[in-house]
């Protein structure tokens, strides 16, 4: 059974940093695509960072490019999202997700993934 559990959310001031973690189980992480999605209040779900094991590509949405970094530790079955220079518009529930290989990172971020966690809330406010 595929399971993903996010942690690390909280309240941070503008300009600050947070690192989200996603503990996974029920599948072999190194063979799967991974991604982070978010849903801000009143907005649609958005793919912000994805990595494909198929072609080793990484994709970031324009809204986070240069500020967020996605990474994975296959030995620990854990996925991370390092978020720097946070802005109030980054406030959202962040979801970790995974899917079977076969596509590029951009494809996964634009089309979403089949398996996800329950999310962790990030609030950027002074």
Foldseek 3Di string as FASTA:
>chain_A
DKAKDKDWADEAAAQAKTKMKIAIDDDQVLQKKKFKWWDDVPGDIFTAWIAASQVRAIDGDPVQPPFWDWDDDRVRNMIMIIGGRDDQVVWTWMKMAIAGHDDGRVVCRVPPHDDIHPTDTHGHHD
